[in-house]
N, C-alpha and C. Protein backbone atom coordinates (compact mmCIF):
# COMPACT_ATOMS: atom_id res chain seq x y z
N MET A 1 55.23 44.24 80.78
CA MET A 1 53.88 44.17 81.30
C MET A 1 53.05 45.29 80.65
N ASN A 2 51.82 45.02 80.39
CA ASN A 2 50.90 45.96 79.79
C ASN A 2 50.64 47.13 80.73
N ILE A 3 50.56 48.35 80.19
CA ILE A 3 50.36 49.52 81.04
C ILE A 3 49.03 49.47 81.79
N TYR A 4 48.02 48.90 81.18
CA TYR A 4 46.72 48.82 81.84
C TYR A 4 46.73 47.77 82.95
N GLN A 5 47.53 46.73 82.79
CA GLN A 5 47.69 45.74 83.86
C GLN A 5 48.41 46.36 85.05
N VAL A 6 49.40 47.21 84.78
CA VAL A 6 50.12 47.89 85.85
C VAL A 6 49.15 48.75 86.65
N LEU A 7 48.26 49.45 85.94
CA LEU A 7 47.29 50.31 86.61
C LEU A 7 46.11 49.54 87.19
N GLY A 8 45.96 48.28 86.81
CA GLY A 8 44.88 47.45 87.34
C GLY A 8 43.53 47.75 86.71
N ILE A 9 43.52 48.19 85.47
CA ILE A 9 42.27 48.51 84.77
C ILE A 9 42.26 47.85 83.40
N SER A 10 41.09 47.82 82.80
CA SER A 10 41.01 47.32 81.43
C SER A 10 41.33 48.48 80.48
N PRO A 11 41.77 48.19 79.27
CA PRO A 11 42.11 49.27 78.33
C PRO A 11 40.94 50.23 78.14
N THR A 12 41.21 51.52 78.31
CA THR A 12 40.17 52.53 78.22
C THR A 12 40.77 53.87 77.79
N LYS A 13 39.91 54.72 77.24
CA LYS A 13 40.33 56.08 76.91
C LYS A 13 39.73 57.08 77.90
N ASP A 14 39.04 56.57 78.91
CA ASP A 14 38.41 57.42 79.92
C ASP A 14 39.47 57.90 80.91
N LYS A 15 39.76 59.20 80.85
CA LYS A 15 40.82 59.76 81.69
C LYS A 15 40.47 59.69 83.18
N LYS A 16 39.19 59.77 83.51
CA LYS A 16 38.79 59.70 84.92
C LYS A 16 39.13 58.33 85.51
N VAL A 17 38.89 57.28 84.74
CA VAL A 17 39.20 55.92 85.20
C VAL A 17 40.71 55.76 85.38
N ILE A 18 41.47 56.29 84.44
CA ILE A 18 42.93 56.18 84.51
C ILE A 18 43.46 56.94 85.72
N ARG A 19 42.97 58.18 85.93
CA ARG A 19 43.41 58.98 87.08
C ARG A 19 43.05 58.33 88.41
N LYS A 20 41.85 57.77 88.49
CA LYS A 20 41.40 57.13 89.73
C LYS A 20 42.30 55.94 90.08
N ALA A 21 42.60 55.12 89.07
CA ALA A 21 43.47 53.97 89.30
C ALA A 21 44.87 54.42 89.72
N TYR A 22 45.37 55.46 89.05
CA TYR A 22 46.71 56.00 89.37
C TYR A 22 46.74 56.54 90.79
N ALA A 23 45.73 57.30 91.16
CA ALA A 23 45.69 57.89 92.51
C ALA A 23 45.67 56.81 93.59
N GLY A 24 44.91 55.76 93.36
CA GLY A 24 44.85 54.67 94.35
C GLY A 24 46.19 53.96 94.49
N LEU A 25 46.87 53.75 93.38
CA LEU A 25 48.16 53.05 93.43
C LEU A 25 49.25 53.93 94.03
N ILE A 26 49.20 55.23 93.77
CA ILE A 26 50.22 56.13 94.31
C ILE A 26 50.11 56.20 95.84
N ARG A 27 48.88 56.15 96.36
CA ARG A 27 48.71 56.13 97.81
C ARG A 27 49.31 54.86 98.40
N LYS A 28 49.17 53.77 97.67
CA LYS A 28 49.66 52.48 98.15
C LYS A 28 51.18 52.36 98.02
N TYR A 29 51.74 52.86 96.93
CA TYR A 29 53.18 52.74 96.66
C TYR A 29 53.82 54.12 96.66
N HIS A 30 54.22 54.57 97.84
CA HIS A 30 54.85 55.89 97.98
C HIS A 30 56.22 55.87 97.31
N PRO A 31 56.60 56.97 96.62
CA PRO A 31 57.87 56.99 95.88
C PRO A 31 59.11 56.82 96.76
N GLU A 32 59.06 57.22 98.01
CA GLU A 32 60.23 57.05 98.88
C GLU A 32 60.36 55.62 99.39
N GLU A 33 59.23 54.94 99.53
CA GLU A 33 59.26 53.57 100.04
C GLU A 33 59.38 52.52 98.94
N HIS A 34 58.79 52.79 97.80
CA HIS A 34 58.81 51.86 96.67
C HIS A 34 59.16 52.61 95.39
N PRO A 35 60.41 53.07 95.25
CA PRO A 35 60.75 53.92 94.09
C PRO A 35 60.61 53.21 92.74
N GLU A 36 60.96 51.94 92.66
CA GLU A 36 60.87 51.22 91.37
C GLU A 36 59.41 51.00 90.97
N LYS A 37 58.60 50.57 91.91
CA LYS A 37 57.17 50.34 91.64
C LYS A 37 56.48 51.67 91.31
N TRP A 38 56.83 52.73 92.03
CA TRP A 38 56.24 54.04 91.77
C TRP A 38 56.57 54.51 90.36
N LYS A 39 57.83 54.32 89.94
CA LYS A 39 58.23 54.73 88.60
C LYS A 39 57.46 53.94 87.54
N GLU A 40 57.29 52.64 87.76
CA GLU A 40 56.54 51.81 86.82
C GLU A 40 55.09 52.30 86.71
N ILE A 41 54.47 52.60 87.85
CA ILE A 41 53.09 53.09 87.86
C ILE A 41 53.00 54.45 87.18
N HIS A 42 53.93 55.33 87.50
CA HIS A 42 53.92 56.68 86.92
C HIS A 42 54.10 56.62 85.41
N ASP A 43 55.03 55.81 84.93
CA ASP A 43 55.26 55.68 83.49
C ASP A 43 54.02 55.11 82.79
N ALA A 44 53.39 54.11 83.41
CA ALA A 44 52.17 53.53 82.83
C ALA A 44 51.07 54.57 82.77
N TYR A 45 50.95 55.38 83.82
CA TYR A 45 49.94 56.44 83.84
C TYR A 45 50.17 57.45 82.72
N MET A 46 51.41 57.87 82.53
CA MET A 46 51.72 58.87 81.50
C MET A 46 51.39 58.33 80.11
N VAL A 47 51.76 57.09 79.84
CA VAL A 47 51.50 56.49 78.53
C VAL A 47 49.99 56.31 78.33
N ALA A 48 49.27 55.88 79.38
CA ALA A 48 47.82 55.68 79.26
C ALA A 48 47.12 57.01 78.98
N MET A 49 47.58 58.08 79.61
CA MET A 49 46.97 59.39 79.36
C MET A 49 47.27 59.87 77.94
N GLN A 50 48.46 59.61 77.44
CA GLN A 50 48.79 59.98 76.06
C GLN A 50 47.93 59.19 75.08
N ARG A 51 47.76 57.91 75.34
CA ARG A 51 46.95 57.07 74.45
C ARG A 51 45.48 57.48 74.50
N ALA A 52 45.03 58.00 75.63
CA ALA A 52 43.64 58.45 75.74
C ALA A 52 43.39 59.63 74.82
N ASP A 53 44.43 60.40 74.52
CA ASP A 53 44.29 61.56 73.63
C ASP A 53 44.39 61.18 72.16
N GLU A 54 44.93 60.02 71.85
CA GLU A 54 45.15 59.63 70.46
C GLU A 54 43.88 59.06 69.85
N ASP A 55 43.83 59.05 68.51
CA ASP A 55 42.66 58.57 67.79
C ASP A 55 42.70 57.09 67.46
N ARG A 56 43.87 56.47 67.52
CA ARG A 56 43.96 55.07 67.10
C ARG A 56 43.37 54.15 68.16
N PRO A 57 42.94 52.94 67.77
CA PRO A 57 42.37 52.00 68.73
C PRO A 57 43.37 51.62 69.81
N LEU A 58 42.86 51.28 70.99
CA LEU A 58 43.72 50.97 72.13
C LEU A 58 44.52 49.69 71.96
N HIS A 59 44.00 48.72 71.20
CA HIS A 59 44.69 47.43 71.09
C HIS A 59 45.93 47.52 70.21
N GLU A 60 46.09 48.61 69.45
CA GLU A 60 47.27 48.76 68.59
C GLU A 60 48.42 49.34 69.40
N GLU A 61 49.56 48.73 69.30
CA GLU A 61 50.77 49.28 69.91
C GLU A 61 51.33 50.35 68.98
N PRO A 62 51.98 51.35 69.53
CA PRO A 62 52.56 52.37 68.65
C PRO A 62 53.65 51.78 67.77
N LYS A 63 53.65 52.17 66.52
CA LYS A 63 54.65 51.66 65.58
C LYS A 63 55.85 52.60 65.58
N PRO A 64 57.04 52.02 65.48
CA PRO A 64 58.22 52.89 65.42
C PRO A 64 58.18 53.74 64.16
N GLN A 65 58.63 54.96 64.30
CA GLN A 65 58.64 55.84 63.14
C GLN A 65 59.74 55.42 62.18
N GLN A 66 59.40 55.40 60.91
CA GLN A 66 60.36 55.03 59.88
C GLN A 66 60.53 56.20 58.94
N GLU A 67 61.68 56.23 58.32
CA GLU A 67 61.92 57.26 57.31
C GLU A 67 60.96 57.03 56.15
N GLU A 68 60.50 58.13 55.59
CA GLU A 68 59.62 58.00 54.43
C GLU A 68 60.45 57.58 53.23
N ARG A 69 59.93 56.60 52.52
CA ARG A 69 60.62 56.09 51.35
C ARG A 69 59.80 56.41 50.13
N LYS A 70 60.49 56.52 49.02
CA LYS A 70 59.79 56.75 47.76
C LYS A 70 59.03 55.49 47.39
N PRO A 71 57.92 55.64 46.74
CA PRO A 71 57.18 54.44 46.32
C PRO A 71 58.02 53.59 45.38
N GLN A 72 58.03 52.32 45.63
CA GLN A 72 58.83 51.42 44.82
C GLN A 72 58.13 51.02 43.54
N HIS A 73 56.83 51.28 43.45
CA HIS A 73 56.11 50.82 42.28
C HIS A 73 56.65 51.47 41.00
N GLU A 74 57.14 52.70 41.09
CA GLU A 74 57.68 53.37 39.90
C GLU A 74 58.96 52.66 39.44
N GLU A 75 59.84 52.35 40.41
CA GLU A 75 61.07 51.63 40.07
C GLU A 75 60.74 50.26 39.49
N THR A 76 59.79 49.58 40.11
CA THR A 76 59.41 48.25 39.65
C THR A 76 58.85 48.31 38.23
N ARG A 77 58.01 49.29 37.97
CA ARG A 77 57.43 49.44 36.64
C ARG A 77 58.52 49.67 35.60
N GLN A 78 59.49 50.53 35.93
CA GLN A 78 60.58 50.80 34.98
C GLN A 78 61.41 49.55 34.74
N ARG A 79 61.69 48.79 35.79
CA ARG A 79 62.48 47.57 35.65
C ARG A 79 61.75 46.54 34.79
N LYS A 80 60.45 46.41 34.99
CA LYS A 80 59.68 45.46 34.18
C LYS A 80 59.69 45.87 32.71
N GLN A 81 59.56 47.17 32.47
CA GLN A 81 59.56 47.66 31.09
C GLN A 81 60.91 47.38 30.43
N GLN A 82 62.01 47.57 31.17
CA GLN A 82 63.34 47.29 30.62
C GLN A 82 63.48 45.81 30.30
N ASN A 83 63.01 44.95 31.18
CA ASN A 83 63.08 43.51 30.94
C ASN A 83 62.25 43.11 29.73
N GLN A 84 61.06 43.68 29.58
CA GLN A 84 60.23 43.37 28.43
C GLN A 84 60.91 43.83 27.14
N ASN A 85 61.55 44.99 27.18
CA ASN A 85 62.26 45.48 25.99
C ASN A 85 63.40 44.54 25.61
N ARG A 86 64.12 44.04 26.62
CA ARG A 86 65.22 43.11 26.34
C ARG A 86 64.69 41.83 25.73
N ILE A 87 63.61 41.31 26.28
CA ILE A 87 63.04 40.06 25.77
C ILE A 87 62.56 40.25 24.33
N PHE A 88 61.86 41.34 24.09
CA PHE A 88 61.38 41.62 22.74
C PHE A 88 62.54 41.75 21.77
N HIS A 89 63.57 42.45 22.20
CA HIS A 89 64.74 42.66 21.35
C HIS A 89 65.41 41.32 21.02
N LYS A 90 65.59 40.46 22.04
CA LYS A 90 66.22 39.16 21.82
C LYS A 90 65.35 38.28 20.93
N SER A 91 64.05 38.28 21.20
CA SER A 91 63.18 37.39 20.42
C SER A 91 63.09 37.84 18.97
N ARG A 92 63.15 39.12 18.75
CA ARG A 92 63.09 39.63 17.39
C ARG A 92 64.30 39.15 16.59
N PHE A 93 65.48 39.21 17.21
CA PHE A 93 66.69 38.77 16.50
C PHE A 93 66.78 37.27 16.41
N SER A 94 66.37 36.57 17.43
CA SER A 94 66.45 35.11 17.39
C SER A 94 65.44 34.56 16.40
N PHE A 95 64.28 35.23 16.29
CA PHE A 95 63.29 34.78 15.33
C PHE A 95 63.82 34.90 13.90
N SER A 96 64.43 36.04 13.59
CA SER A 96 64.93 36.23 12.24
C SER A 96 66.12 35.33 11.95
N ALA A 97 66.88 34.97 12.97
CA ALA A 97 68.05 34.10 12.76
C ALA A 97 67.63 32.65 12.59
N THR A 98 66.51 32.25 13.17
CA THR A 98 66.11 30.85 13.10
C THR A 98 65.27 30.54 11.88
N THR A 99 64.67 31.56 11.31
CA THR A 99 63.86 31.30 10.11
C THR A 99 64.79 31.31 8.89
N SER A 100 64.77 30.23 8.25
CA SER A 100 65.58 30.13 7.03
C SER A 100 64.80 29.31 6.01
N SER A 101 65.15 29.48 4.80
CA SER A 101 64.46 28.74 3.75
C SER A 101 64.92 27.28 3.79
N PRO A 102 64.03 26.37 3.51
CA PRO A 102 64.41 24.96 3.53
C PRO A 102 65.46 24.68 2.47
N ALA A 103 66.49 23.99 2.88
CA ALA A 103 67.60 23.67 1.95
C ALA A 103 67.26 22.40 1.18
N GLY A 104 67.55 22.42 -0.08
CA GLY A 104 67.40 21.23 -0.91
C GLY A 104 65.97 20.95 -1.34
N SER A 105 65.12 21.90 -1.45
CA SER A 105 63.76 21.63 -1.91
C SER A 105 63.68 21.59 -3.39
């Protein structure tokens, strides 16, 4: 479920709106009486407050962090150059092997 749906608000970066929604729900769902619902509300509140501090748009979900990889374009460029060299090398030899003087002229 969406964190803003849990809090009962539309996506926002306004911390006052987030706190107000959280406070109203905490009064309704006391942690001793509704521990699972309280945890869900508390977790949604924490994430909403963190997102309010971030610069990215609200509709984007956080992307998992990935290890930084070296750019592949350098490898690709080298591989293409090697392939072109092989083709040129083969065509140069095949061209000289196929050209022959006409026999019996």
